[in-house]
Amino acid sequence: MYSATDTEAFEAFDIEYEYDVRESFDKYVDGKGSLSHWMDLLCFQDFAYPKTYNKLRYLENHDTARFAPRAANEQALRNFTALIFFLKGTTLIYGGQEVKAAHTPSLFDRDLVDWDAGADISDLISKLAKLKKETLSADDIFTAETDDEKDIAVLTRDDRINCKTGIFSFRGLSGDVPVDLPDGVYDDLFGGGKVSVSGGLIHCDGDPLWISVPSYMEV
């Protein structure tokens, strides 16, 4: 049976689920695949699809298990949540994700979301939505570098006006991470504090980092 490719589908549809990379994502989360393979596929999307491609970025939806119970710890969940806002495309928050709900409601029966199911992370989601709107551009060129040992990824989005760097620790681990930024002190737009780059390294304490600098500052 003929099946259209994503590239062909974009000729008819404005937005697509990212099922093309979901298998790699699930394998990584479940400890059966590497972070670098998942990130390589995200980079592949950026040069294989039309310039205006729009992928729906999500951790969970009506076809998947709830994500919060799958995350290694609370910091890991914060990093995964920050990532889906940093990636190119449109971010989907599935009903109940805001309170880390464990039960996926049925699409076919009356099955209400339990809004008291867990800790409310709406403030985190609101902050990330604001950052996405204020700092990211649909014209950004996307790249990703990974440290499979520490489970940390460094993502960049550059529209040749501003270069945005996102650092995400998917196990909530800390470590020194190589970045393509000149040595100096930068604003962490996610945490609200300052971060230093020394010798081409930046320290990640396990929480996401979100930095924006003029593109001419790139090394």
Protein backbone atom coordinates (compact mmCIF):
# COMPACT_ATOMS: atom_id res chain seq x y z
CA MET A 1 0.00 0.00 0.00
CA TYR A 2 1.39 3.39 -1.00
CA SER A 3 2.18 5.70 1.90
CA ALA A 4 3.08 9.35 1.34
CA THR A 5 6.29 10.65 2.85
CA ASP A 6 6.26 13.53 5.33
CA THR A 7 7.71 15.78 2.66
CA GLU A 8 4.82 14.95 0.31
CA ALA A 9 2.29 15.40 3.11
CA PHE A 10 3.56 18.91 3.80
CA GLU A 11 2.34 19.84 0.33
CA ALA A 12 -1.21 19.34 1.60
CA PHE A 13 -1.05 19.86 5.37
CA ASP A 14 0.19 22.74 7.48
CA ILE A 15 1.34 20.65 10.44
CA GLU A 16 2.25 17.03 11.17
CA TYR A 17 2.84 14.92 14.26
CA GLU A 18 6.48 13.99 14.76
CA TYR A 19 5.82 10.26 14.49
CA ASP A 20 8.80 10.08 12.15
CA VAL A 21 11.12 10.41 15.17
CA ARG A 22 8.85 9.10 17.93
CA GLU A 23 10.25 5.56 17.86
CA SER A 24 13.76 6.86 18.47
CA PHE A 25 12.47 9.14 21.24
CA ASP A 26 10.65 6.26 22.99
CA LYS A 27 13.67 3.98 22.74
CA TYR A 28 15.87 6.65 24.31
CA VAL A 29 13.45 7.34 27.16
CA ASP A 30 13.11 3.60 27.82
CA GLY A 31 16.89 3.08 27.88
CA LYS A 32 16.94 1.12 24.62
CA GLY A 33 18.42 3.76 22.33
CA SER A 34 20.92 6.61 22.38
CA LEU A 35 20.34 10.31 22.85
CA SER A 36 22.56 11.05 19.84
CA HIS A 37 20.42 8.95 17.50
CA TRP A 38 17.26 10.80 18.51
CA MET A 39 19.00 14.17 18.13
CA ASP A 40 20.43 13.19 14.74
CA LEU A 41 16.89 12.55 13.51
CA LEU A 42 15.77 15.97 14.77
CA CYS A 43 18.61 17.52 12.76
CA PHE A 44 17.60 15.42 9.75
CA GLN A 45 14.13 16.97 9.88
CA ASP A 46 15.61 20.44 9.54
CA PHE A 47 17.40 19.78 6.26
CA ALA A 48 15.11 17.15 4.73
CA TYR A 49 11.76 18.91 5.02
CA PRO A 50 10.57 22.12 3.37
CA LYS A 51 11.83 25.33 4.96
CA THR A 52 8.36 26.07 6.32
CA TYR A 53 7.88 22.61 7.87
CA ASN A 54 5.89 22.58 11.10
CA LYS A 55 6.09 19.58 13.40
CA LEU A 56 3.81 19.17 16.43
CA ARG A 57 6.17 18.76 19.39
CA TYR A 58 4.77 16.80 22.33
CA LEU A 59 5.66 14.50 25.19
CA GLU A 60 2.26 12.85 25.27
CA ASN A 61 -1.03 12.79 23.38
CA HIS A 62 -4.18 10.66 23.14
CA ASP A 63 -2.21 7.78 21.56
CA THR A 64 0.65 7.64 24.06
CA ALA A 65 1.24 6.89 27.72
CA ARG A 66 1.50 9.81 30.10
CA PHE A 67 5.06 11.08 30.17
CA ALA A 68 5.62 12.26 33.78
CA PRO A 69 5.86 8.70 35.19
CA ARG A 70 8.45 7.88 32.51
CA ALA A 71 10.85 10.71 33.39
CA ALA A 72 13.84 9.74 35.53
CA ASN A 73 13.15 12.48 38.10
CA GLU A 74 11.61 15.92 38.49
CA GLN A 75 14.55 17.73 36.92
CA ALA A 76 14.48 15.37 33.95
CA LEU A 77 10.80 16.17 33.42
CA ARG A 78 11.61 19.90 33.47
CA ASN A 79 14.26 19.34 30.79
CA PHE A 80 12.01 17.30 28.52
CA THR A 81 9.25 19.89 28.93
CA ALA A 82 11.63 22.74 28.11
CA LEU A 83 12.87 20.85 25.06
CA ILE A 84 9.48 20.61 23.34
CA PHE A 85 9.19 24.39 23.53
CA PHE A 86 12.73 24.94 22.24
CA LEU A 87 12.34 22.69 19.19
CA LYS A 88 11.13 24.13 15.90
CA GLY A 89 7.42 23.67 15.41
CA THR A 90 4.23 23.95 17.44
CA THR A 91 4.09 22.73 21.03
CA LEU A 92 1.25 20.48 22.18
CA ILE A 93 0.30 20.24 25.85
CA TYR A 94 -2.14 17.37 26.34
CA GLY A 95 -4.93 17.91 28.88
CA GLY A 96 -3.71 16.93 32.34
CA GLN A 97 -0.03 17.23 31.48
CA GLU A 98 -0.09 20.48 33.46
CA VAL A 99 -0.60 18.47 36.68
CA LYS A 100 1.51 15.44 35.75
CA ALA A 101 -1.59 13.26 35.42
CA ALA A 102 -0.86 9.53 35.20
CA HIS A 103 -4.18 8.48 33.62
CA THR A 104 -4.77 9.03 29.89
CA PRO A 105 -8.45 9.90 29.37
CA SER A 106 -10.46 7.99 26.80
CA LEU A 107 -11.39 9.72 23.57
CA PHE A 108 -14.61 7.74 23.28
CA ASP A 109 -16.14 7.83 26.76
CA ARG A 110 -16.76 10.50 29.38
CA ASP A 111 -13.43 10.36 31.18
CA LEU A 112 -12.57 13.62 32.90
CA VAL A 113 -9.05 14.79 33.69
CA ASP A 114 -8.22 14.65 37.40
CA TRP A 115 -6.82 18.13 37.92
CA ASP A 116 -5.73 17.21 41.45
CA ALA A 117 -3.71 14.23 40.24
CA GLY A 118 -0.27 15.66 40.93
CA ALA A 119 1.92 18.73 41.28
CA ASP A 120 0.86 21.68 39.12
CA ILE A 121 3.57 22.66 36.60
CA SER A 122 1.46 25.26 34.79
CA ASP A 123 3.88 28.03 35.79
CA LEU A 124 6.74 26.15 34.12
CA ILE A 125 4.71 25.68 30.94
CA SER A 126 3.66 29.34 30.89
CA LYS A 127 7.28 30.47 31.30
CA LEU A 128 8.43 28.25 28.44
CA ALA A 129 5.60 29.38 26.16
CA LYS A 130 6.62 32.99 26.79
CA LEU A 131 10.28 32.24 26.07
CA LYS A 132 9.38 30.46 22.84
CA LYS A 133 7.34 33.42 21.59
CA GLU A 134 9.88 36.05 22.63
CA THR A 135 13.18 34.45 21.56
CA LEU A 136 12.66 31.88 18.80
CA SER A 137 12.03 32.39 15.10
CA ALA A 138 10.48 30.19 12.42
CA ASP A 139 13.54 31.06 10.27
CA ASP A 140 16.00 29.52 12.73
CA ILE A 141 18.55 26.97 11.56
CA PHE A 142 18.60 24.06 14.00
CA THR A 143 21.62 22.07 15.19
CA ALA A 144 22.22 19.64 18.05
CA GLU A 145 25.25 18.21 19.85
CA THR A 146 25.02 15.46 22.46
CA ASP A 147 26.88 13.90 25.35
CA ASP A 148 25.54 10.34 25.51
CA GLU A 149 27.44 9.60 28.71
CA LYS A 150 25.83 12.45 30.66
CA ASP A 151 22.54 12.44 28.67
CA ILE A 152 22.93 16.15 27.95
CA ALA A 153 22.14 17.83 24.63
CA VAL A 154 23.16 21.29 23.41
CA LEU A 155 20.71 22.65 20.84
CA THR A 156 21.07 25.84 18.84
CA ARG A 157 18.60 27.87 16.80
CA ASP A 158 20.10 30.66 14.73
CA ASP A 159 18.30 33.11 12.43
CA ARG A 160 21.55 35.05 11.76
CA ILE A 161 20.27 37.79 14.02
CA ASN A 162 20.23 35.96 17.33
CA CYS A 163 21.68 32.60 18.22
CA LYS A 164 19.73 30.74 20.86
CA THR A 165 21.38 27.94 22.84
CA GLY A 166 19.39 25.43 24.86
CA ILE A 167 21.10 22.95 27.17
CA PHE A 168 19.00 20.04 28.38
CA SER A 169 19.94 17.33 30.87
CA PHE A 170 17.52 14.47 30.27
CA ARG A 171 18.46 12.57 33.42
CA GLY A 172 18.76 15.71 35.52
CA LEU A 173 22.52 15.22 35.84
CA SER A 174 25.04 18.03 36.28
CA GLY A 175 28.25 18.47 34.32
CA ASP A 176 30.47 20.74 32.27
CA VAL A 177 29.27 21.01 28.68
CA PRO A 178 31.12 22.28 25.56
CA VAL A 179 29.36 25.22 23.88
CA ASP A 180 30.10 27.40 20.84
CA LEU A 181 30.07 30.64 22.84
CA PRO A 182 32.93 33.02 23.67
CA ASP A 183 34.10 32.91 27.27
CA GLY A 184 32.05 35.29 29.39
CA VAL A 185 28.94 35.68 31.52
CA TYR A 186 25.48 35.24 30.03
CA ASP A 187 21.88 35.62 31.09
CA ASP A 188 20.05 32.34 31.66
CA LEU A 189 16.60 33.20 30.35
CA PHE A 190 15.10 30.05 31.86
CA GLY A 191 16.49 30.21 35.38
CA GLY A 192 16.77 33.99 35.57
CA GLY A 193 20.37 34.02 36.78
CA LYS A 194 23.82 34.27 35.23
CA VAL A 195 25.93 31.49 33.73
CA SER A 196 29.62 31.55 32.83
CA VAL A 197 31.48 30.10 29.88
CA SER A 198 35.15 29.38 30.54
CA GLY A 199 37.47 27.55 28.19
CA GLY A 200 34.51 26.79 25.96
CA LEU A 201 32.67 25.01 28.77
CA ILE A 202 29.48 25.89 30.61
CA HIS A 203 28.30 24.21 33.80
CA CYS A 204 24.87 22.60 33.76
CA ASP A 205 23.45 21.92 37.24
CA GLY A 206 20.77 19.58 35.91
CA ASP A 207 18.17 22.23 35.11
CA PRO A 208 17.60 23.56 31.57
CA LEU A 209 19.62 26.54 30.33
CA TRP A 210 18.28 28.96 27.68
CA ILE A 211 20.66 31.59 26.31
CA SER A 212 20.22 34.12 23.49
CA VAL A 213 23.07 36.20 22.08
CA PRO A 214 23.61 38.18 18.86
CA SER A 215 24.73 35.84 16.09
CA TYR A 216 27.97 37.75 15.53
CA MET A 217 29.13 36.51 18.96
CA GLU A 218 29.32 32.90 17.76
CA VAL A 219 32.76 31.30 17.72
